Amino acid sequence: MLKSKNILFFSPDFSLCYSLLMYLQDRYHVTTTTDIDVLKAIVHQGFDLILIDAEPSREIEQLCEVAYNRFHIPVILTYVFKNQLEGIDSTIRKVVSSIFYKPYDLTEVYNKLNSLV
């Protein structure tokens, strides 16, 4: 199968990075990182989609805003929803393509990813 789309995946959880890499590697070129500074440094390097597994924060929102608005890269965000995140959740929705709350169905995330790239 020809792998022509480049996916960037960030999670502070190395095991999740590795698992998603294994799951997607047959269909996509996948770059993973557990370091937010690496994510910031390479966000502009020709990715077709960015998948971020991190609780929303002002830093994550700014990163999504750059990817989505400046570089026109679809962004999928996954995290565990907490009531205290409700405000930033509604704000960050303006700069992401989709949000999935944990636990999520990996097939749903995969289908969304496929529809965006």
C-alpha atoms as a PDB file:
ATOM      1  CA  MET A   1       0.000   0.000   0.000  1.00  0.00           C
ATOM      2  CA  LEU A   2       1.292   3.456  -0.908  1.00  0.00           C
ATOM      3  CA  LYS A   3       1.771   5.628   2.170  1.00  0.00           C
ATOM      4  CA  SER A   4       1.429   9.209   1.013  1.00  0.00           C
ATOM      5  CA  LYS A   5      -0.046  11.006   4.019  1.00  0.00           C
ATOM      6  CA  ASN A   6       2.018  12.223   6.954  1.00  0.00           C
ATOM      7  CA  ILE A   7       0.525  12.121  10.444  1.00  0.00           C
ATOM      8  CA  LEU A   8       2.091  13.795  13.480  1.00  0.00           C
ATOM      9  CA  PHE A   9       1.063  12.327  16.826  1.00  0.00           C
ATOM     10  CA  PHE A  10       1.841  13.844  20.203  1.00  0.00           C
ATOM     11  CA  SER A  11       1.210  12.272  23.580  1.00  0.00           C
ATOM     12  CA  PRO A  12       3.170  12.477  26.819  1.00  0.00           C
ATOM     13  CA  ASP A  13       2.417   8.736  27.115  1.00  0.00           C
ATOM     14  CA  PHE A  14       5.142   6.798  25.287  1.00  0.00           C
ATOM     15  CA  SER A  15       3.095   3.572  25.280  1.00  0.00           C
ATOM     16  CA  LEU A  16       0.209   5.319  23.536  1.00  0.00           C
ATOM     17  CA  CYS A  17       2.599   6.826  20.974  1.00  0.00           C
ATOM     18  CA  TYR A  18       4.025   3.409  20.241  1.00  0.00           C
ATOM     19  CA  SER A  19       0.611   1.733  20.061  1.00  0.00           C
ATOM     20  CA  LEU A  20      -0.809   4.304  17.672  1.00  0.00           C
ATOM     21  CA  LEU A  21       2.323   4.144  15.544  1.00  0.00           C
ATOM     22  CA  MET A  22       1.872   0.377  15.223  1.00  0.00           C
ATOM     23  CA  TYR A  23      -1.825   0.793  14.435  1.00  0.00           C
ATOM     24  CA  LEU A  24      -1.356   3.435  11.710  1.00  0.00           C
ATOM     25  CA  GLN A  25       2.029   2.619  10.194  1.00  0.00           C
ATOM     26  CA  ASP A  26       0.670   0.361   7.447  1.00  0.00           C
ATOM     27  CA  ARG A  27      -1.356   3.191   5.965  1.00  0.00           C
ATOM     28  CA  TYR A  28       0.416   6.422   6.930  1.00  0.00           C
ATOM     29  CA  HIS A  29       3.837   7.872   7.567  1.00  0.00           C
ATOM     30  CA  VAL A  30       3.593   8.484  11.308  1.00  0.00           C
ATOM     31  CA  THR A  31       5.856  10.711  13.347  1.00  0.00           C
ATOM     32  CA  THR A  32       5.375  10.499  17.103  1.00  0.00           C
ATOM     33  CA  THR A  33       6.729  12.527  19.961  1.00  0.00           C
ATOM     34  CA  THR A  34       6.264  12.712  23.700  1.00  0.00           C
ATOM     35  CA  ASP A  35       7.940  16.132  23.887  1.00  0.00           C
ATOM     36  CA  ILE A  36       5.746  19.213  23.404  1.00  0.00           C
ATOM     37  CA  ASP A  37       8.781  21.291  22.403  1.00  0.00           C
ATOM     38  CA  VAL A  38       9.464  18.877  19.535  1.00  0.00           C
ATOM     39  CA  LEU A  39       5.809  19.153  18.508  1.00  0.00           C
ATOM     40  CA  LYS A  40       6.095  22.952  18.428  1.00  0.00           C
ATOM     41  CA  ALA A  41       9.311  22.779  16.416  1.00  0.00           C
ATOM     42  CA  ILE A  42       8.023  20.457  13.682  1.00  0.00           C
ATOM     43  CA  VAL A  43       4.317  21.358  13.425  1.00  0.00           C
ATOM     44  CA  HIS A  44       4.934  23.275  10.199  1.00  0.00           C
ATOM     45  CA  GLN A  45       6.914  20.540   8.417  1.00  0.00           C
ATOM     46  CA  GLY A  46       4.372  19.279   5.912  1.00  0.00           C
ATOM     47  CA  PHE A  47       2.059  17.097   7.969  1.00  0.00           C
ATOM     48  CA  ASP A  48      -1.384  16.233   6.627  1.00  0.00           C
ATOM     49  CA  LEU A  49      -2.921  15.812  10.085  1.00  0.00           C
ATOM     50  CA  ILE A  50      -1.928  16.289  13.699  1.00  0.00           C
ATOM     51  CA  LEU A  51      -3.292  14.077  16.443  1.00  0.00           C
ATOM     52  CA  ILE A  52      -2.775  15.431  19.958  1.00  0.00           C
ATOM     53  CA  ASP A  53      -3.418  13.376  23.064  1.00  0.00           C
ATOM     54  CA  ALA A  54      -3.264  15.995  25.798  1.00  0.00           C
ATOM     55  CA  GLU A  55      -5.539  17.854  28.151  1.00  0.00           C
ATOM     56  CA  PRO A  56      -6.453  21.257  26.714  1.00  0.00           C
ATOM     57  CA  SER A  57      -4.393  24.149  28.014  1.00  0.00           C
ATOM     58  CA  ARG A  58      -3.516  27.579  26.690  1.00  0.00           C
ATOM     59  CA  GLU A  59      -0.286  26.088  25.276  1.00  0.00           C
ATOM     60  CA  ILE A  60      -2.157  23.304  23.449  1.00  0.00           C
ATOM     61  CA  GLU A  61      -4.751  25.797  22.215  1.00  0.00           C
ATOM     62  CA  GLN A  62      -2.048  28.063  20.765  1.00  0.00           C
ATOM     63  CA  LEU A  63      -0.369  25.117  19.085  1.00  0.00           C
ATOM     64  CA  CYS A  64      -3.682  23.981  17.570  1.00  0.00           C
ATOM     65  CA  GLU A  65      -4.399  27.522  16.431  1.00  0.00           C
ATOM     66  CA  VAL A  66      -1.070  27.712  14.581  1.00  0.00           C
ATOM     67  CA  ALA A  67      -1.557  24.303  12.951  1.00  0.00           C
ATOM     68  CA  TYR A  68      -5.204  24.816  12.032  1.00  0.00           C
ATOM     69  CA  ASN A  69      -5.334  28.501  11.060  1.00  0.00           C
ATOM     70  CA  ARG A  70      -1.817  29.254   9.845  1.00  0.00           C
ATOM     71  CA  PHE A  71      -0.825  25.957   8.228  1.00  0.00           C
ATOM     72  CA  HIS A  72      -4.349  24.624   7.502  1.00  0.00           C
ATOM     73  CA  ILE A  73      -3.571  21.265   9.079  1.00  0.00           C
ATOM     74  CA  PRO A  74      -6.519  19.322  10.520  1.00  0.00           C
ATOM     75  CA  VAL A  75      -6.103  18.623  14.230  1.00  0.00           C
ATOM     76  CA  ILE A  76      -7.710  15.845  16.264  1.00  0.00           C
ATOM     77  CA  LEU A  77      -7.546  16.245  20.043  1.00  0.00           C
ATOM     78  CA  THR A  78      -8.105  13.411  22.532  1.00  0.00           C
ATOM     79  CA  TYR A  79      -8.270  13.700  26.294  1.00  0.00           C
ATOM     80  CA  VAL A  80     -10.185  12.796  29.445  1.00  0.00           C
ATOM     81  CA  PHE A  81     -12.992  15.325  29.867  1.00  0.00           C
ATOM     82  CA  LYS A  82     -13.308  17.032  33.245  1.00  0.00           C
ATOM     83  CA  ASN A  83     -15.929  19.622  34.166  1.00  0.00           C
ATOM     84  CA  GLN A  84     -13.262  22.207  34.975  1.00  0.00           C
ATOM     85  CA  LEU A  85     -12.092  22.002  31.319  1.00  0.00           C
ATOM     86  CA  GLU A  86     -15.501  22.927  29.913  1.00  0.00           C
ATOM     87  CA  GLY A  87     -14.523  26.546  29.187  1.00  0.00           C
ATOM     88  CA  ILE A  88     -11.313  25.772  27.324  1.00  0.00           C
ATOM     89  CA  ASP A  89     -13.019  22.839  25.600  1.00  0.00           C
ATOM     90  CA  SER A  90     -15.499  25.196  23.921  1.00  0.00           C
ATOM     91  CA  THR A  91     -12.705  27.636  23.012  1.00  0.00           C
ATOM     92  CA  ILE A  92     -10.358  25.023  21.577  1.00  0.00           C
ATOM     93  CA  ARG A  93     -13.118  23.566  19.381  1.00  0.00           C
ATOM     94  CA  LYS A  94     -12.663  26.607  17.124  1.00  0.00           C
ATOM     95  CA  VAL A  95      -9.136  25.501  16.212  1.00  0.00           C
ATOM     96  CA  VAL A  96      -9.461  21.716  15.966  1.00  0.00           C
ATOM     97  CA  SER A  97     -11.246  19.489  13.507  1.00  0.00           C
ATOM     98  CA  SER A  98     -12.482  17.013  16.087  1.00  0.00           C
ATOM     99  CA  ILE A  99     -12.301  16.098  19.768  1.00  0.00           C
ATOM    100  CA  PHE A 100     -12.587  12.596  21.178  1.00  0.00           C
ATOM    101  CA  TYR A 101     -13.002  12.048  24.895  1.00  0.00           C
ATOM    102  CA  LYS A 102     -11.340   9.075  26.542  1.00  0.00           C
ATOM    103  CA  PRO A 103     -12.140   6.309  26.553  1.00  0.00           C
ATOM    104  CA  TYR A 104     -12.765   6.574  22.837  1.00  0.00           C
ATOM    105  CA  ASP A 105     -13.404   4.010  20.154  1.00  0.00           C
ATOM    106  CA  LEU A 106     -10.192   3.765  18.123  1.00  0.00           C
ATOM    107  CA  THR A 107     -12.201   2.837  15.044  1.00  0.00           C
ATOM    108  CA  GLU A 108     -14.110   6.141  15.290  1.00  0.00           C
ATOM    109  CA  VAL A 109     -10.845   8.084  15.579  1.00  0.00           C
ATOM    110  CA  TYR A 110      -9.388   6.138  12.641  1.00  0.00           C
ATOM    111  CA  ASN A 111     -12.472   6.819  10.515  1.00  0.00           C
ATOM    112  CA  LYS A 112     -12.320  10.531  11.338  1.00  0.00           C
ATOM    113  CA  LEU A 113      -8.615  10.602  10.560  1.00  0.00           C
ATOM    114  CA  ASN A 114      -9.281   8.951   7.193  1.00  0.00           C
ATOM    115  CA  SER A 115     -12.020  11.456   6.368  1.00  0.00           C
ATOM    116  CA  LEU A 116      -9.734  14.416   7.146  1.00  0.00           C
ATOM    117  CA  VAL A 117      -6.671  13.373   5.139  1.00  0.00           C
END
